Amino acid sequence: MQSFLKRYRRIRSRLAALLLCQLFFMLVFFPGAIAQPTPIRRIDPIALSAQVYQQLPDLPLENQYINRETGDPAVENTLVSRLIRYHVYIKNRSTVFRLDWKLTLADYLGAFEQISANSYPDNNLQESPNQNDIAAIESLSTAQRNSLVNTLYEVFTPSTSEANGSETISSETNSSETSS
């Protein structure tokens, strides 16, 4: 038994040394291969929520709250804009993975993490929209919640054809072909 343990420790130390050598090799010869932190990107929750509401017009707005400073209705402070703020700024979750959006909705449904009323993004509203937002998300059907997740994902990750401009080129090509 003693010889087995000695051999096991020797193999384990050699394996650890090999892994350290591989890590050093990667750092020296392939510095870009090591994961770099993603740069912080400023987002506009109001503009992004407008895109979501454009694609999902049946989604509740929940924008009946009054601004604490001005006393005017805060019509741009919607359910989706607060959901985006909660997801990005409070929970610090990635915007490019559907699973992260599903985890945020699970928070609203009380199935993952509890949403604290103290940290909920209310943006100077006279009353906290926390409970009404939770009720609004709970009132959505499973299909509506799935389409909300997919739409949020699409809003934050534009397709490669849109990023390259090939979509507009193909539509211009089709319009020129039909006019000839």
C-alpha atoms as a PDB file:
ATOM      1  CA  MET A   1       0.000   0.000   0.000  1.00  0.00           C
ATOM      2  CA  GLN A   2       2.849   2.365   0.847  1.00  0.00           C
ATOM      3  CA  SER A   3       4.489   1.881  -2.564  1.00  0.00           C
ATOM      4  CA  PHE A   4       1.171   2.566  -4.280  1.00  0.00           C
ATOM      5  CA  LEU A   5       0.754   5.867  -2.409  1.00  0.00           C
ATOM      6  CA  LYS A   6       4.324   6.921  -3.222  1.00  0.00           C
ATOM      7  CA  ARG A   7       3.772   6.158  -6.896  1.00  0.00           C
ATOM      8  CA  TYR A   8       0.415   8.003  -6.853  1.00  0.00           C
ATOM      9  CA  ARG A   9       1.978  11.114  -5.284  1.00  0.00           C
ATOM     10  CA  ARG A  10       4.853  11.035  -7.767  1.00  0.00           C
ATOM     11  CA  ILE A  11       2.445  10.800 -10.734  1.00  0.00           C
ATOM     12  CA  ARG A  12       0.266  13.548  -9.280  1.00  0.00           C
ATOM     13  CA  SER A  13       3.228  15.916  -8.848  1.00  0.00           C
ATOM     14  CA  ARG A  14       4.462  15.188 -12.397  1.00  0.00           C
ATOM     15  CA  LEU A  15       0.982  15.854 -13.767  1.00  0.00           C
ATOM     16  CA  ALA A  16       0.795  19.163 -11.887  1.00  0.00           C
ATOM     17  CA  ALA A  17       4.214  20.151 -13.280  1.00  0.00           C
ATOM     18  CA  LEU A  18       3.094  19.227 -16.793  1.00  0.00           C
ATOM     19  CA  LEU A  19      -0.052  21.338 -16.462  1.00  0.00           C
ATOM     20  CA  LEU A  20       1.974  24.313 -15.224  1.00  0.00           C
ATOM     21  CA  CYS A  21       4.341  23.947 -18.200  1.00  0.00           C
ATOM     22  CA  GLN A  22       1.382  23.878 -20.593  1.00  0.00           C
ATOM     23  CA  LEU A  23      -0.084  26.983 -18.996  1.00  0.00           C
ATOM     24  CA  PHE A  24       3.257  28.796 -19.253  1.00  0.00           C
ATOM     25  CA  PHE A  25       3.582  27.737 -22.900  1.00  0.00           C
ATOM     26  CA  MET A  26       0.071  29.069 -23.655  1.00  0.00           C
ATOM     27  CA  LEU A  27       0.764  32.372 -21.930  1.00  0.00           C
ATOM     28  CA  VAL A  28       4.074  32.902 -23.725  1.00  0.00           C
ATOM     29  CA  PHE A  29       3.293  31.695 -27.246  1.00  0.00           C
ATOM     30  CA  PHE A  30      -0.468  32.209 -27.484  1.00  0.00           C
ATOM     31  CA  PRO A  31      -1.413  35.172 -25.282  1.00  0.00           C
ATOM     32  CA  GLY A  32      -4.725  35.635 -27.117  1.00  0.00           C
ATOM     33  CA  ALA A  33      -5.787  32.069 -26.335  1.00  0.00           C
ATOM     34  CA  ILE A  34      -6.356  32.883 -22.668  1.00  0.00           C
ATOM     35  CA  ALA A  35      -9.843  34.240 -22.047  1.00  0.00           C
ATOM     36  CA  GLN A  36      -9.846  38.001 -21.788  1.00  0.00           C
ATOM     37  CA  PRO A  37     -12.502  39.886 -19.839  1.00  0.00           C
ATOM     38  CA  THR A  38     -15.188  41.270 -22.078  1.00  0.00           C
ATOM     39  CA  PRO A  39     -15.081  45.036 -22.414  1.00  0.00           C
ATOM     40  CA  ILE A  40     -17.827  46.916 -20.616  1.00  0.00           C
ATOM     41  CA  ARG A  41     -20.423  48.086 -23.080  1.00  0.00           C
ATOM     42  CA  ARG A  42     -22.901  50.831 -22.334  1.00  0.00           C
ATOM     43  CA  ILE A  43     -26.436  49.902 -23.146  1.00  0.00           C
ATOM     44  CA  ASP A  44     -29.584  51.959 -23.482  1.00  0.00           C
ATOM     45  CA  PRO A  45     -32.367  50.009 -21.759  1.00  0.00           C
ATOM     46  CA  ILE A  46     -35.040  52.401 -23.048  1.00  0.00           C
ATOM     47  CA  ALA A  47     -34.065  51.980 -26.708  1.00  0.00           C
ATOM     48  CA  LEU A  48     -33.610  48.233 -26.335  1.00  0.00           C
ATOM     49  CA  SER A  49     -36.954  47.849 -24.583  1.00  0.00           C
ATOM     50  CA  ALA A  50     -38.588  49.771 -27.435  1.00  0.00           C
ATOM     51  CA  GLN A  51     -37.185  47.158 -29.842  1.00  0.00           C
ATOM     52  CA  VAL A  52     -38.581  44.372 -27.660  1.00  0.00           C
ATOM     53  CA  TYR A  53     -42.026  46.003 -27.500  1.00  0.00           C
ATOM     54  CA  GLN A  54     -41.963  46.503 -31.266  1.00  0.00           C
ATOM     55  CA  GLN A  55     -41.517  42.748 -31.738  1.00  0.00           C
ATOM     56  CA  LEU A  56     -43.823  41.771 -28.847  1.00  0.00           C
ATOM     57  CA  PRO A  57     -46.660  44.330 -28.765  1.00  0.00           C
ATOM     58  CA  ASP A  58     -48.795  42.205 -26.392  1.00  0.00           C
ATOM     59  CA  LEU A  59     -46.204  42.428 -23.619  1.00  0.00           C
ATOM     60  CA  PRO A  60     -47.405  44.546 -20.660  1.00  0.00           C
ATOM     61  CA  LEU A  61     -45.779  47.989 -20.461  1.00  0.00           C
ATOM     62  CA  GLU A  62     -46.167  48.552 -16.708  1.00  0.00           C
ATOM     63  CA  ASN A  63     -45.249  52.210 -17.217  1.00  0.00           C
ATOM     64  CA  GLN A  64     -47.924  53.862 -15.082  1.00  0.00           C
ATOM     65  CA  TYR A  65     -45.472  55.052 -12.417  1.00  0.00           C
ATOM     66  CA  ILE A  66     -44.733  58.683 -11.478  1.00  0.00           C
ATOM     67  CA  ASN A  67     -41.235  60.154 -11.496  1.00  0.00           C
ATOM     68  CA  ARG A  68     -40.278  61.213  -7.955  1.00  0.00           C
ATOM     69  CA  GLU A  69     -38.309  64.300  -9.078  1.00  0.00           C
ATOM     70  CA  THR A  70     -40.608  65.786 -11.729  1.00  0.00           C
ATOM     71  CA  GLY A  71     -44.016  64.410 -10.747  1.00  0.00           C
ATOM     72  CA  ASP A  72     -44.627  63.474 -14.390  1.00  0.00           C
ATOM     73  CA  PRO A  73     -45.517  59.989 -15.610  1.00  0.00           C
ATOM     74  CA  ALA A  74     -42.379  57.967 -16.366  1.00  0.00           C
ATOM     75  CA  VAL A  75     -43.723  56.429 -19.572  1.00  0.00           C
ATOM     76  CA  GLU A  76     -40.290  55.305 -20.817  1.00  0.00           C
ATOM     77  CA  ASN A  77     -39.630  53.372 -17.608  1.00  0.00           C
ATOM     78  CA  THR A  78     -41.229  50.095 -18.688  1.00  0.00           C
ATOM     79  CA  LEU A  79     -41.268  46.523 -17.454  1.00  0.00           C
ATOM     80  CA  VAL A  80     -38.720  45.451 -20.072  1.00  0.00           C
ATOM     81  CA  SER A  81     -36.372  48.391 -19.406  1.00  0.00           C
ATOM     82  CA  ARG A  82     -36.376  47.518 -15.695  1.00  0.00           C
ATOM     83  CA  LEU A  83     -35.898  43.829 -16.519  1.00  0.00           C
ATOM     84  CA  ILE A  84     -32.853  44.747 -18.652  1.00  0.00           C
ATOM     85  CA  ARG A  85     -31.442  46.968 -15.876  1.00  0.00           C
ATOM     86  CA  TYR A  86     -31.960  44.212 -13.317  1.00  0.00           C
ATOM     87  CA  HIS A  87     -30.321  41.626 -15.604  1.00  0.00           C
ATOM     88  CA  VAL A  88     -27.300  43.738 -16.588  1.00  0.00           C
ATOM     89  CA  TYR A  89     -26.633  46.072 -13.675  1.00  0.00           C
ATOM     90  CA  ILE A  90     -28.000  44.282 -10.592  1.00  0.00           C
ATOM     91  CA  LYS A  91     -27.284  40.625 -11.417  1.00  0.00           C
ATOM     92  CA  ASN A  92     -24.369  41.365 -13.781  1.00  0.00           C
ATOM     93  CA  ARG A  93     -25.413  38.586 -16.147  1.00  0.00           C
ATOM     94  CA  SER A  94     -24.359  38.171 -19.739  1.00  0.00           C
ATOM     95  CA  THR A  95     -26.710  39.452 -22.415  1.00  0.00           C
ATOM     96  CA  VAL A  96     -25.626  37.022 -25.122  1.00  0.00           C
ATOM     97  CA  PHE A  97     -26.831  33.760 -23.603  1.00  0.00           C
ATOM     98  CA  ARG A  98     -30.458  32.662 -23.497  1.00  0.00           C
ATOM     99  CA  LEU A  99     -29.807  30.748 -20.285  1.00  0.00           C
ATOM    100  CA  ASP A 100     -28.898  33.963 -18.462  1.00  0.00           C
ATOM    101  CA  TRP A 101     -32.155  35.579 -19.593  1.00  0.00           C
ATOM    102  CA  LYS A 102     -34.036  32.491 -18.420  1.00  0.00           C
ATOM    103  CA  LEU A 103     -32.320  32.745 -15.045  1.00  0.00           C
ATOM    104  CA  THR A 104     -33.479  36.349 -14.778  1.00  0.00           C
ATOM    105  CA  LEU A 105     -37.054  35.339 -15.548  1.00  0.00           C
ATOM    106  CA  ALA A 106     -36.663  32.559 -12.978  1.00  0.00           C
ATOM    107  CA  ASP A 107     -35.760  35.268 -10.466  1.00  0.00           C
ATOM    108  CA  TYR A 108     -39.014  37.046 -11.289  1.00  0.00           C
ATOM    109  CA  LEU A 109     -40.896  33.773 -10.873  1.00  0.00           C
ATOM    110  CA  GLY A 110     -39.224  33.123  -7.514  1.00  0.00           C
ATOM    111  CA  ALA A 111     -37.610  29.919  -8.770  1.00  0.00           C
ATOM    112  CA  PHE A 112     -33.921  30.911  -8.748  1.00  0.00           C
ATOM    113  CA  GLU A 113     -32.932  33.923  -6.627  1.00  0.00           C
ATOM    114  CA  GLN A 114     -35.139  36.252  -4.651  1.00  0.00           C
ATOM    115  CA  ILE A 115     -35.452  39.776  -6.016  1.00  0.00           C
ATOM    116  CA  SER A 116     -34.661  42.270  -3.289  1.00  0.00           C
ATOM    117  CA  ALA A 117     -36.933  45.306  -3.230  1.00  0.00           C
ATOM    118  CA  ASN A 118     -33.988  47.423  -2.014  1.00  0.00           C
ATOM    119  CA  SER A 119     -31.828  46.668  -5.058  1.00  0.00           C
ATOM    120  CA  TYR A 120     -34.578  46.619  -7.683  1.00  0.00           C
ATOM    121  CA  PRO A 121     -34.083  49.275 -10.408  1.00  0.00           C
ATOM    122  CA  ASP A 122     -36.857  51.822  -9.902  1.00  0.00           C
ATOM    123  CA  ASN A 123     -35.081  54.914 -11.337  1.00  0.00           C
ATOM    124  CA  ASN A 124     -36.548  57.564  -9.043  1.00  0.00           C
ATOM    125  CA  LEU A 125     -40.121  56.356  -9.123  1.00  0.00           C
ATOM    126  CA  GLN A 126     -42.496  57.360  -6.335  1.00  0.00           C
ATOM    127  CA  GLU A 127     -43.412  53.741  -5.659  1.00  0.00           C
ATOM    128  CA  SER A 128     -41.396  50.622  -6.312  1.00  0.00           C
ATOM    129  CA  PRO A 129     -42.595  48.600  -9.322  1.00  0.00           C
ATOM    130  CA  ASN A 130     -41.018  45.451  -7.869  1.00  0.00           C
ATOM    131  CA  GLN A 131     -44.179  43.528  -6.933  1.00  0.00           C
ATOM    132  CA  ASN A 132     -46.160  44.624 -10.014  1.00  0.00           C
ATOM    133  CA  ASP A 133     -43.298  43.607 -12.318  1.00  0.00           C
ATOM    134  CA  ILE A 134     -43.105  40.204 -10.668  1.00  0.00           C
ATOM    135  CA  ALA A 135     -46.883  39.812 -11.065  1.00  0.00           C
ATOM    136  CA  ALA A 136     -46.665  40.882 -14.729  1.00  0.00           C
ATOM    137  CA  ILE A 137     -43.980  38.276 -15.483  1.00  0.00           C
ATOM    138  CA  GLU A 138     -45.951  35.627 -13.581  1.00  0.00           C
ATOM    139  CA  SER A 139     -49.047  36.424 -15.659  1.00  0.00           C
ATOM    140  CA  LEU A 140     -47.210  35.635 -18.917  1.00  0.00           C
ATOM    141  CA  SER A 141     -47.701  32.201 -20.411  1.00  0.00           C
ATOM    142  CA  THR A 142     -44.735  29.897 -20.941  1.00  0.00           C
ATOM    143  CA  ALA A 143     -44.809  30.635 -24.671  1.00  0.00           C
ATOM    144  CA  GLN A 144     -44.805  34.393 -24.009  1.00  0.00           C
ATOM    145  CA  ARG A 145     -41.878  34.069 -21.607  1.00  0.00           C
ATOM    146  CA  ASN A 146     -39.953  31.989 -24.152  1.00  0.00           C
ATOM    147  CA  SER A 147     -40.595  34.544 -26.886  1.00  0.00           C
ATOM    148  CA  LEU A 148     -39.474  37.306 -24.484  1.00  0.00           C
ATOM    149  CA  VAL A 149     -36.212  35.436 -23.832  1.00  0.00           C
ATOM    150  CA  ASN A 150     -35.650  34.884 -27.561  1.00  0.00           C
ATOM    151  CA  THR A 151     -36.419  38.516 -28.379  1.00  0.00           C
ATOM    152  CA  LEU A 152     -34.065  39.827 -25.681  1.00  0.00           C
ATOM    153  CA  TYR A 153     -31.375  37.504 -26.974  1.00  0.00           C
ATOM    154  CA  GLU A 154     -31.913  38.728 -30.554  1.00  0.00           C
ATOM    155  CA  VAL A 155     -31.892  42.392 -29.521  1.00  0.00           C
ATOM    156  CA  PHE A 156     -28.546  41.999 -27.766  1.00  0.00           C
ATOM    157  CA  THR A 157     -26.925  39.739 -30.387  1.00  0.00           C
ATOM    158  CA  PRO A 158     -27.565  41.065 -33.889  1.00  0.00           C
ATOM    159  CA  SER A 159     -27.275  38.500 -36.639  1.00  0.00           C
ATOM    160  CA  THR A 160     -24.099  38.393 -38.700  1.00  0.00           C
ATOM    161  CA  SER A 161     -25.958  39.327 -41.871  1.00  0.00           C
ATOM    162  CA  GLU A 162     -27.194  42.554 -40.254  1.00  0.00           C
ATOM    163  CA  ALA A 163     -23.761  43.322 -38.857  1.00  0.00           C
ATOM    164  CA  ASN A 164     -22.128  42.882 -42.270  1.00  0.00           C
ATOM    165  CA  GLY A 165     -24.833  44.781 -44.134  1.00  0.00           C
ATOM    166  CA  SER A 166     -25.552  41.837 -46.430  1.00  0.00           C
ATOM    167  CA  GLU A 167     -29.249  41.928 -45.580  1.00  0.00           C
ATOM    168  CA  THR A 168     -29.698  45.400 -47.064  1.00  0.00           C
ATOM    169  CA  ILE A 169     -27.633  44.468 -50.087  1.00  0.00           C
ATOM    170  CA  SER A 170     -29.799  41.430 -50.784  1.00  0.00           C
ATOM    171  CA  SER A 171     -33.001  43.463 -50.460  1.00  0.00           C
ATOM    172  CA  GLU A 172     -31.627  46.107 -52.841  1.00  0.00           C
ATOM    173  CA  THR A 173     -30.681  43.362 -55.300  1.00  0.00           C
ATOM    174  CA  ASN A 174     -34.174  41.881 -55.161  1.00  0.00           C
ATOM    175  CA  SER A 175     -35.825  45.279 -55.703  1.00  0.00           C
ATOM    176  CA  SER A 176     -33.585  46.068 -58.688  1.00  0.00           C
ATOM    177  CA  GLU A 177     -34.338  42.672 -60.225  1.00  0.00           C
ATOM    178  CA  THR A 178     -38.101  43.148 -59.938  1.00  0.00           C
ATOM    179  CA  SER A 179     -37.997  46.630 -61.461  1.00  0.00           C
ATOM    180  CA  SER A 180     -36.143  45.440 -64.605  1.00  0.00           C
END
